[in-house]
Amino acid sequence: MPRKNKGEVNLEALNFKPLLEEAVVCSRLGRTIASFGATLTGREKQNANLVYLLLKGERELPERTPTTASISRETKTKKFGYPESVKWFVEKYPKEAQPLLAKLKETYDKIETAVVYGVQQGKDLSDDYYVKVLVDILQIPQQDAAVMYHGVIKPHIQRMEEKEGLVKLVVK
């Protein structure tokens, strides 16, 4: 990113159109891929818990599968984090913790600054541009990017378009 000096962006050196278009395409591609990933890892966590229960219940591993599973136990040294520290303080000093607990229940208004961007209603960037961004940013071959975009991402984006609008990303 062009900078005048440390921490300051040179706005004159930035080209708004390609920057905005790349941000929109990265958002649409990335959020689609992330959605698939979140769904898959969610299922992984659900299944891993069930596998753990089967192993804990001393069920034998299935035969004729290239997979395996076991329960691992190891001691790791961890530092107390904020939630654990507050819980310890509340349990050890319940009377003294009342002001802290009261403060944690309070709410306050905070002004958030966000940038809102996306494609205009009924318009989009070219398929070639989406594929180019996948190639350039993910460093994957053109053919792989085209198959990923046309076979998976574009159909998903089209299915979601009725629900989708602009993206809002908090910046401050």
Protein backbone atom coordinates (compact mmCIF):
# COMPACT_ATOMS: atom_id res chain seq x y z
CA MET A 1 0.00 0.00 0.00
CA PRO A 2 1.50 3.40 -0.95
CA ARG A 3 2.58 5.30 2.14
CA LYS A 4 3.80 8.88 2.59
CA ASN A 5 5.50 8.08 5.86
CA LYS A 6 5.13 5.57 8.66
CA GLY A 7 1.43 4.76 9.20
CA GLU A 8 0.13 7.33 6.73
CA VAL A 9 -1.43 6.15 3.45
CA ASN A 10 -0.74 8.18 0.31
CA LEU A 11 -4.29 8.52 -1.03
CA GLU A 12 -3.08 10.12 -4.28
CA ALA A 13 -1.16 6.93 -5.17
CA LEU A 14 -4.18 4.65 -4.67
CA ASN A 15 -6.37 3.64 -7.60
CA PHE A 16 -9.89 3.45 -6.14
CA LYS A 17 -11.59 1.33 -8.83
CA PRO A 18 -9.31 -1.75 -8.78
CA LEU A 19 -8.95 -1.56 -5.01
CA LEU A 20 -12.73 -1.54 -4.44
CA GLU A 21 -13.36 -4.21 -7.07
CA GLU A 22 -10.73 -6.51 -5.57
CA ALA A 23 -12.13 -5.96 -2.06
CA VAL A 24 -15.65 -6.86 -3.25
CA VAL A 25 -14.48 -9.96 -5.14
CA CYS A 26 -12.27 -11.11 -2.25
CA SER A 27 -15.23 -10.65 0.08
CA ARG A 28 -17.63 -12.65 -2.09
CA LEU A 29 -15.12 -15.42 -2.79
CA GLY A 30 -13.73 -15.56 0.73
CA ARG A 31 -17.07 -15.52 2.51
CA THR A 32 -18.37 -18.28 0.25
CA ILE A 33 -15.32 -20.46 0.89
CA ALA A 34 -15.41 -19.61 4.61
CA SER A 35 -19.08 -20.58 4.78
CA PHE A 36 -18.29 -23.97 3.29
CA GLY A 37 -15.34 -24.34 5.67
CA ALA A 38 -17.41 -23.39 8.71
CA THR A 39 -20.08 -25.92 7.79
CA LEU A 40 -17.51 -28.67 7.32
CA THR A 41 -15.55 -27.92 10.50
CA GLY A 42 -18.82 -27.67 12.42
CA ARG A 43 -19.67 -31.20 11.28
CA GLU A 44 -16.10 -32.27 12.12
CA LYS A 45 -16.49 -31.03 15.71
CA GLN A 46 -19.86 -32.75 16.06
CA ASN A 47 -18.44 -36.03 14.73
CA ALA A 48 -15.24 -35.76 16.77
CA ASN A 49 -17.32 -35.52 19.96
CA LEU A 50 -19.24 -38.65 18.95
CA VAL A 51 -15.99 -40.47 18.09
CA TYR A 52 -14.66 -39.50 21.53
CA LEU A 53 -17.77 -40.91 23.20
CA LEU A 54 -17.42 -44.17 21.24
CA LEU A 55 -13.75 -44.48 22.20
CA LYS A 56 -14.50 -43.60 25.82
CA GLY A 57 -17.22 -46.27 25.77
CA GLU A 58 -14.47 -48.72 24.68
CA ARG A 59 -15.99 -49.41 21.27
CA GLU A 60 -13.59 -51.08 18.87
CA LEU A 61 -12.34 -49.17 15.86
CA PRO A 62 -14.05 -50.13 12.61
CA GLU A 63 -12.29 -52.57 10.31
CA ARG A 64 -11.52 -51.99 6.64
CA THR A 65 -11.07 -48.21 6.88
CA PRO A 66 -7.96 -46.13 6.26
CA THR A 67 -8.89 -44.00 9.29
CA THR A 68 -7.91 -44.29 12.93
CA ALA A 69 -8.70 -42.58 16.22
CA SER A 70 -7.47 -42.56 19.81
CA ILE A 71 -7.82 -40.49 22.96
CA SER A 72 -4.79 -38.39 23.85
CA ARG A 73 -4.07 -36.99 27.28
CA GLU A 74 -1.26 -34.52 27.84
CA THR A 75 -0.57 -31.85 30.41
CA LYS A 76 -0.27 -28.34 29.10
CA THR A 77 0.64 -25.33 31.17
CA LYS A 78 -1.78 -22.47 30.60
CA LYS A 79 -1.98 -18.99 32.05
CA PHE A 80 -5.24 -17.87 33.57
CA GLY A 81 -7.22 -15.73 31.17
CA TYR A 82 -9.64 -12.97 31.98
CA PRO A 83 -12.80 -15.14 32.31
CA GLU A 84 -11.08 -17.70 34.55
CA SER A 85 -9.58 -14.93 36.71
CA VAL A 86 -12.95 -13.22 37.18
CA LYS A 87 -14.61 -16.54 38.04
CA TRP A 88 -11.89 -17.32 40.62
CA PHE A 89 -12.20 -13.85 42.16
CA VAL A 90 -16.00 -14.09 42.36
CA GLU A 91 -15.82 -17.52 44.02
CA LYS A 92 -13.03 -16.58 46.44
CA TYR A 93 -14.24 -13.04 47.28
CA PRO A 94 -17.99 -12.93 46.53
CA LYS A 95 -18.66 -9.77 48.55
CA GLU A 96 -15.73 -7.81 47.10
CA ALA A 97 -16.63 -8.96 43.56
CA GLN A 98 -20.08 -7.32 43.56
CA PRO A 99 -18.89 -4.01 42.01
CA LEU A 100 -17.01 -5.94 39.30
CA LEU A 101 -20.04 -8.10 38.52
CA ALA A 102 -22.27 -5.02 38.41
CA LYS A 103 -19.88 -3.34 35.96
CA LEU A 104 -19.83 -6.45 33.74
CA LYS A 105 -23.65 -6.33 33.52
CA GLU A 106 -23.69 -2.67 32.45
CA THR A 107 -24.09 -1.74 28.82
CA TYR A 108 -22.88 1.32 26.97
CA ASP A 109 -23.28 2.79 23.52
CA LYS A 110 -20.27 2.90 21.25
CA ILE A 111 -20.15 4.45 17.82
CA GLU A 112 -18.80 2.01 15.24
CA THR A 113 -17.42 3.17 11.93
CA ALA A 114 -17.88 0.69 9.10
CA VAL A 115 -17.25 0.54 5.40
CA VAL A 116 -20.12 -0.90 3.35
CA TYR A 117 -19.32 -2.36 -0.05
CA GLY A 118 -20.54 -4.88 -2.59
CA VAL A 119 -21.91 -5.17 -6.10
CA GLN A 120 -24.70 -2.90 -7.27
CA GLN A 121 -28.14 -4.44 -7.64
CA GLY A 122 -28.36 -6.36 -10.91
CA LYS A 123 -24.65 -5.88 -11.74
CA ASP A 124 -21.48 -7.87 -11.17
CA LEU A 125 -17.85 -8.05 -12.19
CA SER A 126 -16.74 -10.47 -14.91
CA ASP A 127 -16.26 -14.17 -14.22
CA ASP A 128 -12.71 -13.80 -15.59
CA TYR A 129 -11.96 -11.25 -12.89
CA TYR A 130 -13.19 -13.57 -10.13
CA VAL A 131 -10.96 -16.34 -11.51
CA LYS A 132 -8.00 -13.92 -11.81
CA VAL A 133 -8.35 -12.92 -8.14
CA LEU A 134 -8.36 -16.59 -7.09
CA VAL A 135 -5.23 -17.22 -9.16
CA ASP A 136 -3.40 -14.08 -8.00
CA ILE A 137 -4.27 -14.18 -4.32
CA LEU A 138 -4.42 -17.92 -3.64
CA GLN A 139 -1.53 -18.67 -6.00
CA ILE A 140 -3.37 -21.59 -7.59
CA PRO A 141 -3.35 -22.65 -11.26
CA GLN A 142 -5.80 -20.96 -13.64
CA GLN A 143 -7.58 -24.24 -14.39
CA ASP A 144 -8.08 -25.03 -10.68
CA ALA A 145 -9.36 -21.51 -10.05
CA ALA A 146 -11.79 -21.72 -12.97
CA VAL A 147 -13.15 -25.10 -11.83
CA MET A 148 -13.50 -23.83 -8.24
CA TYR A 149 -15.24 -20.62 -9.32
CA HIS A 150 -17.55 -21.92 -12.05
CA GLY A 151 -18.30 -25.29 -10.45
CA VAL A 152 -18.72 -24.32 -6.81
CA ILE A 153 -18.47 -20.65 -5.87
CA LYS A 154 -20.52 -18.98 -8.63
CA PRO A 155 -23.52 -21.34 -8.27
CA HIS A 156 -23.45 -20.78 -4.50
CA ILE A 157 -23.28 -17.00 -4.91
CA GLN A 158 -26.22 -17.12 -7.32
CA ARG A 159 -28.27 -19.17 -4.81
CA MET A 160 -27.47 -16.71 -2.04
CA GLU A 161 -28.02 -13.50 -4.04
CA GLU A 162 -31.63 -13.07 -2.99
CA LYS A 163 -30.49 -12.97 0.64
CA GLU A 164 -27.26 -11.13 -0.01
CA GLY A 165 -26.71 -7.42 -0.17
CA LEU A 166 -23.82 -5.23 0.74
CA VAL A 167 -21.16 -6.33 3.18
CA LYS A 168 -20.54 -4.25 6.27
CA LEU A 169 -17.11 -4.48 7.90
CA VAL A 170 -16.35 -2.56 11.11
CA VAL A 171 -13.12 -0.61 10.72
CA LYS A 172 -12.99 1.30 14.02
